[in-house]
Protein backbone atom coordinates (compact mmCIF):
# COMPACT_ATOMS: atom_id res chain seq x y z
CA UNK A 1 86.34 81.20 157.36
CA UNK A 2 89.72 80.56 158.85
CA UNK A 3 89.92 81.55 162.49
CA UNK A 4 93.69 81.93 162.41
CA UNK A 5 94.07 85.06 160.29
CA UNK A 6 91.45 87.75 160.75
CA UNK A 7 93.40 90.29 158.68
CA UNK A 8 92.82 88.30 155.52
CA UNK A 9 89.07 88.46 156.21
CA UNK A 10 88.93 92.20 156.83
CA UNK A 11 88.95 94.58 153.89
CA UNK A 12 91.11 97.70 154.11
CA UNK A 13 87.94 99.66 154.94
CA UNK A 14 87.00 97.15 157.66
CA UNK A 15 90.48 97.44 159.18
CA UNK A 16 90.31 101.24 159.07
CA UNK A 17 86.87 101.13 160.75
CA UNK A 18 88.15 98.76 163.43
CA UNK A 19 91.14 101.03 164.14
CA UNK A 20 88.78 103.99 164.60
CA UNK A 21 86.46 101.95 166.80
CA UNK A 22 89.19 100.68 169.14
CA UNK A 23 90.53 104.24 169.43
CA UNK A 24 87.04 105.29 170.51
CA UNK A 25 87.02 102.53 173.14
CA UNK A 26 90.46 103.50 174.52
CA UNK A 27 91.65 106.86 173.21
CA UNK A 28 95.24 108.03 173.66
CA UNK A 29 96.02 110.20 176.67
CA UNK A 30 98.48 113.04 176.16
CA UNK A 31 98.07 113.97 179.83
CA UNK A 32 99.32 110.56 180.98
CA UNK A 33 101.53 109.91 177.93
CA UNK A 34 99.64 106.75 177.02
CA UNK A 35 98.90 105.37 173.57
CA UNK A 36 95.38 104.60 172.48
CA UNK A 37 94.17 101.18 171.47
CA UNK A 38 94.84 102.20 167.86
CA UNK A 39 98.59 102.13 168.55
CA UNK A 40 100.16 99.73 166.02
CA UNK A 41 101.51 97.32 168.68
CA UNK A 42 98.26 97.24 170.62
CA UNK A 43 96.16 96.99 167.46
CA UNK A 44 98.24 94.04 166.24
CA UNK A 45 97.59 92.33 169.57
CA UNK A 46 93.85 93.07 169.22
CA UNK A 47 93.85 91.45 165.78
CA UNK A 48 95.62 88.38 167.16
CA UNK A 49 93.18 88.13 170.07
CA UNK A 50 90.24 88.63 167.69
CA UNK A 51 91.29 85.78 165.38
CA UNK A 52 89.38 83.04 167.24
CA UNK A 53 86.29 85.28 167.10
CA UNK A 54 86.56 86.23 163.43
CA UNK A 55 83.20 84.68 162.55
CA UNK A 56 81.61 87.23 164.91
CA UNK A 57 83.90 90.22 164.49
CA UNK A 58 84.17 90.44 160.71
CA UNK A 59 80.38 90.71 160.16
CA UNK A 60 80.14 93.06 163.15
CA UNK A 61 82.60 95.54 161.63
CA UNK A 62 80.73 95.32 158.34
CA UNK A 63 77.46 95.97 160.24
CA UNK A 64 79.03 99.09 161.76
CA UNK A 65 79.75 100.42 158.29
CA UNK A 66 76.22 99.57 157.15
CA UNK A 67 74.78 101.45 160.13
CA UNK A 68 76.95 104.46 159.29
CA UNK A 69 75.76 104.37 155.67
CA UNK A 70 72.13 104.08 156.79
CA UNK A 71 72.52 107.06 159.12
CA UNK A 72 74.70 109.38 157.03
CA UNK A 73 75.09 107.80 153.58
CA UNK A 74 78.84 107.57 154.14
CA UNK A 75 81.16 104.86 155.38
CA UNK A 76 82.08 104.86 159.07
CA UNK A 77 85.63 106.16 158.49
CA UNK A 78 84.36 109.02 156.32
CA UNK A 79 82.10 110.44 159.04
CA UNK A 80 82.87 113.34 161.34
CA UNK A 81 83.73 112.34 164.91
CA UNK A 82 80.26 113.18 166.24
CA UNK A 83 78.66 111.10 163.49
CA UNK A 84 81.06 108.22 164.20
CA UNK A 85 80.00 108.33 167.85
CA UNK A 86 76.33 108.23 166.84
CA UNK A 87 76.97 105.29 164.51
CA UNK A 88 78.98 103.48 167.20
CA UNK A 89 76.18 104.01 169.73
CA UNK A 90 73.62 102.68 167.25
CA UNK A 91 75.90 99.71 166.57
CA UNK A 92 76.17 99.03 170.31
CA UNK A 93 72.40 99.14 170.70
CA UNK A 94 71.76 96.83 167.75
CA UNK A 95 74.72 94.48 168.27
CA UNK A 96 75.30 94.45 172.02
CA UNK A 97 77.06 91.08 172.21
CA UNK A 98 79.44 91.91 169.38
CA UNK A 99 80.16 95.35 170.83
CA UNK A 100 80.91 93.84 174.24
CA UNK A 101 83.26 91.32 172.65
CA UNK A 102 85.13 94.09 170.82
CA UNK A 103 85.30 96.16 174.01
CA UNK A 104 86.60 93.22 176.06
CA UNK A 105 89.27 92.32 173.50
CA UNK A 106 90.35 95.95 173.18
CA UNK A 107 90.65 96.53 176.92
CA UNK A 108 92.36 93.18 177.48
CA UNK A 109 95.01 93.89 174.86
CA UNK A 110 95.42 97.50 175.94
CA UNK A 111 96.13 96.68 179.57
CA UNK A 112 98.63 93.96 178.77
CA UNK A 113 100.79 96.39 176.79
CA UNK A 114 104.04 96.99 178.68
CA UNK A 115 103.94 100.77 178.17
CA UNK A 116 100.52 100.94 179.77
CA UNK A 117 101.54 98.67 182.64
CA UNK A 118 104.67 100.71 183.27
CA UNK A 119 102.67 103.93 183.30
CA UNK A 120 100.33 102.39 185.87
CA UNK A 121 103.33 101.24 187.95
CA UNK A 122 102.42 97.59 187.39
CA UNK A 123 105.06 94.92 187.18
CA UNK A 124 105.37 93.70 183.61
CA UNK A 125 105.92 90.15 184.76
CA UNK A 126 103.48 87.27 184.87
CA UNK A 127 101.66 86.88 188.19
CA UNK A 128 103.04 83.41 188.79
CA UNK A 129 105.16 81.99 190.40
CA UNK A 130 105.95 85.08 192.48
CA UNK A 131 102.35 86.32 192.78
CA UNK A 132 101.09 89.73 193.77
CA UNK A 133 100.41 91.12 197.22
CA UNK A 134 96.75 91.85 197.84
CA UNK A 135 95.43 94.05 200.59
CA UNK A 136 93.27 92.12 203.02
CA UNK A 137 89.66 93.16 202.80
CA UNK A 138 86.66 92.90 205.04
CA UNK A 139 85.75 89.20 205.04
CA UNK A 140 82.44 89.92 206.78
CA UNK A 141 81.17 91.17 203.43
CA UNK A 142 80.87 87.51 202.42
CA UNK A 143 78.58 86.58 205.35
CA UNK A 144 75.41 86.91 203.25
CA UNK A 145 76.90 84.64 200.60
CA UNK A 146 77.93 82.03 203.17
CA UNK A 147 74.41 81.99 204.67
CA UNK A 148 72.72 81.64 201.29
CA UNK A 149 71.41 78.14 200.47
CA UNK A 150 73.35 76.17 197.88
CA UNK A 151 72.13 76.77 194.32
CA UNK A 152 74.32 74.20 192.60
CA UNK A 153 73.87 70.50 192.02
CA UNK A 154 75.55 68.40 194.73
CA UNK A 155 78.24 65.91 193.72
CA UNK A 156 76.88 62.45 193.08
């Protein structure tokens, strides 16, 4: 499988299932005027970010559809919302690593979208070279870590 183009590896049904799944991970918010992860721009970014992981993601999306068919005798996209949630939960329980990868990619792509950043009053610039101001915290919280014995191999 080529890792450069995940869209050629996903069937139309797989793509439809993935769109539904990412919308479940980050739904749109009318209250805050924010798109969901199924927004075309965000979804395109998710597909691009997923390309290096296609060997994991393509079978995972197909497993989601298989789980849906085992539970309801219908494909994932054909299920009612409650049934989709049940299938997604079963998928997460059976395929935890794949589900976490999909969640991480979805959230990563969602929060780098300029519309989302603007709505959160975040600068849409890279952090370097200017950097971001961070509030100073309570450094004493690290005292336990500093007192802990080293657990790494010393340099030789």
